Amino acid sequence: MAILHVVMFQFKALIPLEEVAAGCDRMLVLGDKCIHPTTQAPYVKVLGGGKDNSPEGLQNGITHTFVFQFENEDDRKHYIEKDAAHLEFIASIKNLVQKVQVVDFTPGVY
C-alpha cells in the first residue's frame, strides 16, 4: 500500500532567494536521483512541492512543502536510512532551514 511522505520546511529568513530556489530544485529532483538498490531504477515518486500560498495563516512558520510517494514501507525505510542521494540532500540543506516537519500517511488508514 502506498505511503505519502510530506516534508515541510521553514527556510531561515536571511537565506537569499536563489539559495532557497536551489534547495527546492534539489528536493524535487530526488525522484530521479534516488535509485533502488535492487531494481537500479528510480523508486521515489515526487508528486510536487513549492512555496506556501495558503491565505489561512496557519503555517506556523512553514514556507515550503513537498509531497513524495513510496510504494511500500521497505522503500521508505531505504530512502530515510540509506539512500545516498537523499542523505546528500539532507546535508546540503541543513544550514538553510530553521525548521523541518515530516508527516507520513497511508491513504485510507485512520
C-alpha atoms as a PDB file:
ATOM      1  CA  MET A   1       0.000   0.000   0.000  1.00  0.00           C
ATOM      2  CA  ALA A   2       1.374   3.435  -0.949  1.00  0.00           C
ATOM      3  CA  ILE A   3       2.819   5.804   1.661  1.00  0.00           C
ATOM      4  CA  LEU A   4       2.681   9.566   1.183  1.00  0.00           C
ATOM      5  CA  HIS A   5       5.667  11.434   2.612  1.00  0.00           C
ATOM      6  CA  VAL A   6       5.057  15.144   3.276  1.00  0.00           C
ATOM      7  CA  VAL A   7       8.115  17.284   4.040  1.00  0.00           C
ATOM      8  CA  MET A   8       7.718  20.881   5.196  1.00  0.00           C
ATOM      9  CA  PHE A   9      10.452  23.481   5.602  1.00  0.00           C
ATOM     10  CA  GLN A  10      10.778  26.860   7.179  1.00  0.00           C
ATOM     11  CA  PHE A  11      13.751  28.433   5.445  1.00  0.00           C
ATOM     12  CA  LYS A  12      15.844  30.835   7.505  1.00  0.00           C
ATOM     13  CA  ALA A  13      14.819  34.452   6.975  1.00  0.00           C
ATOM     14  CA  LEU A  14      18.217  35.700   5.754  1.00  0.00           C
ATOM     15  CA  ILE A  15      18.821  32.954   3.179  1.00  0.00           C
ATOM     16  CA  PRO A  16      18.944  34.503  -0.326  1.00  0.00           C
ATOM     17  CA  LEU A  17      16.014  33.561  -2.560  1.00  0.00           C
ATOM     18  CA  GLU A  18      18.399  31.964  -5.059  1.00  0.00           C
ATOM     19  CA  GLU A  19      19.619  29.541  -2.383  1.00  0.00           C
ATOM     20  CA  VAL A  20      16.054  28.728  -1.357  1.00  0.00           C
ATOM     21  CA  ALA A  21      15.176  28.031  -5.011  1.00  0.00           C
ATOM     22  CA  ALA A  22      18.269  25.872  -5.452  1.00  0.00           C
ATOM     23  CA  GLY A  23      17.361  23.875  -2.325  1.00  0.00           C
ATOM     24  CA  CYS A  24      13.837  23.350  -3.640  1.00  0.00           C
ATOM     25  CA  ASP A  25      15.193  22.238  -7.010  1.00  0.00           C
ATOM     26  CA  ARG A  26      17.462  19.702  -5.270  1.00  0.00           C
ATOM     27  CA  MET A  27      14.449  18.364  -3.371  1.00  0.00           C
ATOM     28  CA  LEU A  28      12.336  17.968  -6.492  1.00  0.00           C
ATOM     29  CA  VAL A  29      14.997  16.031  -8.452  1.00  0.00           C
ATOM     30  CA  LEU A  30      15.251  13.347  -5.769  1.00  0.00           C
ATOM     31  CA  GLY A  31      12.646  11.437  -7.771  1.00  0.00           C
ATOM     32  CA  ASP A  32      15.256  10.970 -10.493  1.00  0.00           C
ATOM     33  CA  LYS A  33      18.345  10.710  -8.291  1.00  0.00           C
ATOM     34  CA  CYS A  34      17.127   8.123  -5.781  1.00  0.00           C
ATOM     35  CA  ILE A  35      17.849   4.733  -7.343  1.00  0.00           C
ATOM     36  CA  HIS A  36      16.507   1.498  -5.864  1.00  0.00           C
ATOM     37  CA  PRO A  37      19.340  -0.847  -4.824  1.00  0.00           C
ATOM     38  CA  THR A  38      17.675  -3.916  -6.337  1.00  0.00           C
ATOM     39  CA  THR A  39      15.951  -2.652  -9.482  1.00  0.00           C
ATOM     40  CA  GLN A  40      18.507   0.100 -10.235  1.00  0.00           C
ATOM     41  CA  ALA A  41      15.553   2.315 -11.223  1.00  0.00           C
ATOM     42  CA  PRO A  42      14.082   5.446  -9.630  1.00  0.00           C
ATOM     43  CA  TYR A  43      11.682   4.458  -6.847  1.00  0.00           C
ATOM     44  CA  VAL A  44      10.567   7.753  -5.295  1.00  0.00           C
ATOM     45  CA  LYS A  45       7.581   9.401  -6.938  1.00  0.00           C
ATOM     46  CA  VAL A  46       7.613  13.184  -6.482  1.00  0.00           C
ATOM     47  CA  LEU A  47       4.032  14.426  -6.508  1.00  0.00           C
ATOM     48  CA  GLY A  48       5.086  18.054  -6.258  1.00  0.00           C
ATOM     49  CA  GLY A  49       6.124  20.835  -3.995  1.00  0.00           C
ATOM     50  CA  GLY A  50       6.738  24.518  -3.675  1.00  0.00           C
ATOM     51  CA  LYS A  51       6.249  27.713  -1.693  1.00  0.00           C
ATOM     52  CA  ASP A  52       3.258  28.056   0.609  1.00  0.00           C
ATOM     53  CA  ASN A  53       0.434  30.261  -0.612  1.00  0.00           C
ATOM     54  CA  SER A  54      -2.359  29.482   1.858  1.00  0.00           C
ATOM     55  CA  PRO A  55      -4.431  32.501   2.893  1.00  0.00           C
ATOM     56  CA  GLU A  56      -5.451  30.844   6.193  1.00  0.00           C
ATOM     57  CA  GLY A  57      -2.415  31.962   8.193  1.00  0.00           C
ATOM     58  CA  LEU A  58      -1.952  28.592   9.914  1.00  0.00           C
ATOM     59  CA  GLN A  59       1.511  27.770   8.559  1.00  0.00           C
ATOM     60  CA  ASN A  60       3.348  28.241  11.881  1.00  0.00           C
ATOM     61  CA  GLY A  61       6.421  29.417  10.013  1.00  0.00           C
ATOM     62  CA  ILE A  62       6.409  26.686   7.348  1.00  0.00           C
ATOM     63  CA  THR A  63       7.300  28.225   3.995  1.00  0.00           C
ATOM     64  CA  HIS A  64       7.616  25.266   1.579  1.00  0.00           C
ATOM     65  CA  THR A  65       6.035  21.804   1.291  1.00  0.00           C
ATOM     66  CA  PHE A  66       6.878  18.732  -0.810  1.00  0.00           C
ATOM     67  CA  VAL A  67       4.910  15.509  -1.285  1.00  0.00           C
ATOM     68  CA  PHE A  68       6.508  12.198  -2.249  1.00  0.00           C
ATOM     69  CA  GLN A  69       5.067   8.722  -2.626  1.00  0.00           C
ATOM     70  CA  PHE A  70       6.619   5.361  -1.775  1.00  0.00           C
ATOM     71  CA  GLU A  71       5.134   2.067  -2.890  1.00  0.00           C
ATOM     72  CA  ASN A  72       5.877   0.314   0.393  1.00  0.00           C
ATOM     73  CA  GLU A  73       7.493   0.519   3.821  1.00  0.00           C
ATOM     74  CA  ASP A  74      10.768  -1.035   2.634  1.00  0.00           C
ATOM     75  CA  ASP A  75      11.232   1.706   0.029  1.00  0.00           C
ATOM     76  CA  ARG A  76      10.522   4.435   2.580  1.00  0.00           C
ATOM     77  CA  LYS A  77      12.908   2.863   5.078  1.00  0.00           C
ATOM     78  CA  HIS A  78      15.684   2.669   2.483  1.00  0.00           C
ATOM     79  CA  TYR A  79      15.095   6.304   1.454  1.00  0.00           C
ATOM     80  CA  ILE A  80      15.220   7.577   5.033  1.00  0.00           C
ATOM     81  CA  GLU A  81      18.139   5.483   6.271  1.00  0.00           C
ATOM     82  CA  LYS A  82      20.380   4.564   3.335  1.00  0.00           C
ATOM     83  CA  ASP A  83      19.666   6.373   0.073  1.00  0.00           C
ATOM     84  CA  ALA A  84      22.855   8.289  -0.766  1.00  0.00           C
ATOM     85  CA  ALA A  85      21.064  10.953  -2.828  1.00  0.00           C
ATOM     86  CA  HIS A  86      18.603  11.647  -0.011  1.00  0.00           C
ATOM     87  CA  LEU A  87      21.322  11.768   2.638  1.00  0.00           C
ATOM     88  CA  GLU A  88      23.354  14.115   0.433  1.00  0.00           C
ATOM     89  CA  PHE A  89      20.302  16.347   0.054  1.00  0.00           C
ATOM     90  CA  ILE A  90      19.812  16.499   3.828  1.00  0.00           C
ATOM     91  CA  ALA A  91      23.426  17.589   4.288  1.00  0.00           C
ATOM     92  CA  SER A  92      23.043  20.227   1.566  1.00  0.00           C
ATOM     93  CA  ILE A  93      20.001  21.880   3.108  1.00  0.00           C
ATOM     94  CA  LYS A  94      20.606  21.648   6.846  1.00  0.00           C
ATOM     95  CA  ASN A  95      22.131  25.131   7.102  1.00  0.00           C
ATOM     96  CA  LEU A  96      19.317  26.699   5.081  1.00  0.00           C
ATOM     97  CA  VAL A  97      16.356  25.640   7.197  1.00  0.00           C
ATOM     98  CA  GLN A  98      15.032  26.902  10.502  1.00  0.00           C
ATOM     99  CA  LYS A  99      12.505  24.113  10.926  1.00  0.00           C
ATOM    100  CA  VAL A 100      11.710  20.782   9.254  1.00  0.00           C
ATOM    101  CA  GLN A 101       8.491  18.882   9.770  1.00  0.00           C
ATOM    102  CA  VAL A 102       7.724  15.488   8.216  1.00  0.00           C
ATOM    103  CA  VAL A 103       4.352  13.749   8.187  1.00  0.00           C
ATOM    104  CA  ASP A 104       3.759  10.377   6.519  1.00  0.00           C
ATOM    105  CA  PHE A 105       0.445   8.656   5.982  1.00  0.00           C
ATOM    106  CA  THR A 106      -1.151   5.773   4.153  1.00  0.00           C
ATOM    107  CA  PRO A 107      -4.282   6.923   2.317  1.00  0.00           C
ATOM    108  CA  GLY A 108      -7.440   5.467   3.835  1.00  0.00           C
ATOM    109  CA  VAL A 109      -5.784   4.317   7.060  1.00  0.00           C
ATOM    110  CA  TYR A 110      -7.305   6.131  10.026  1.00  0.00           C
END
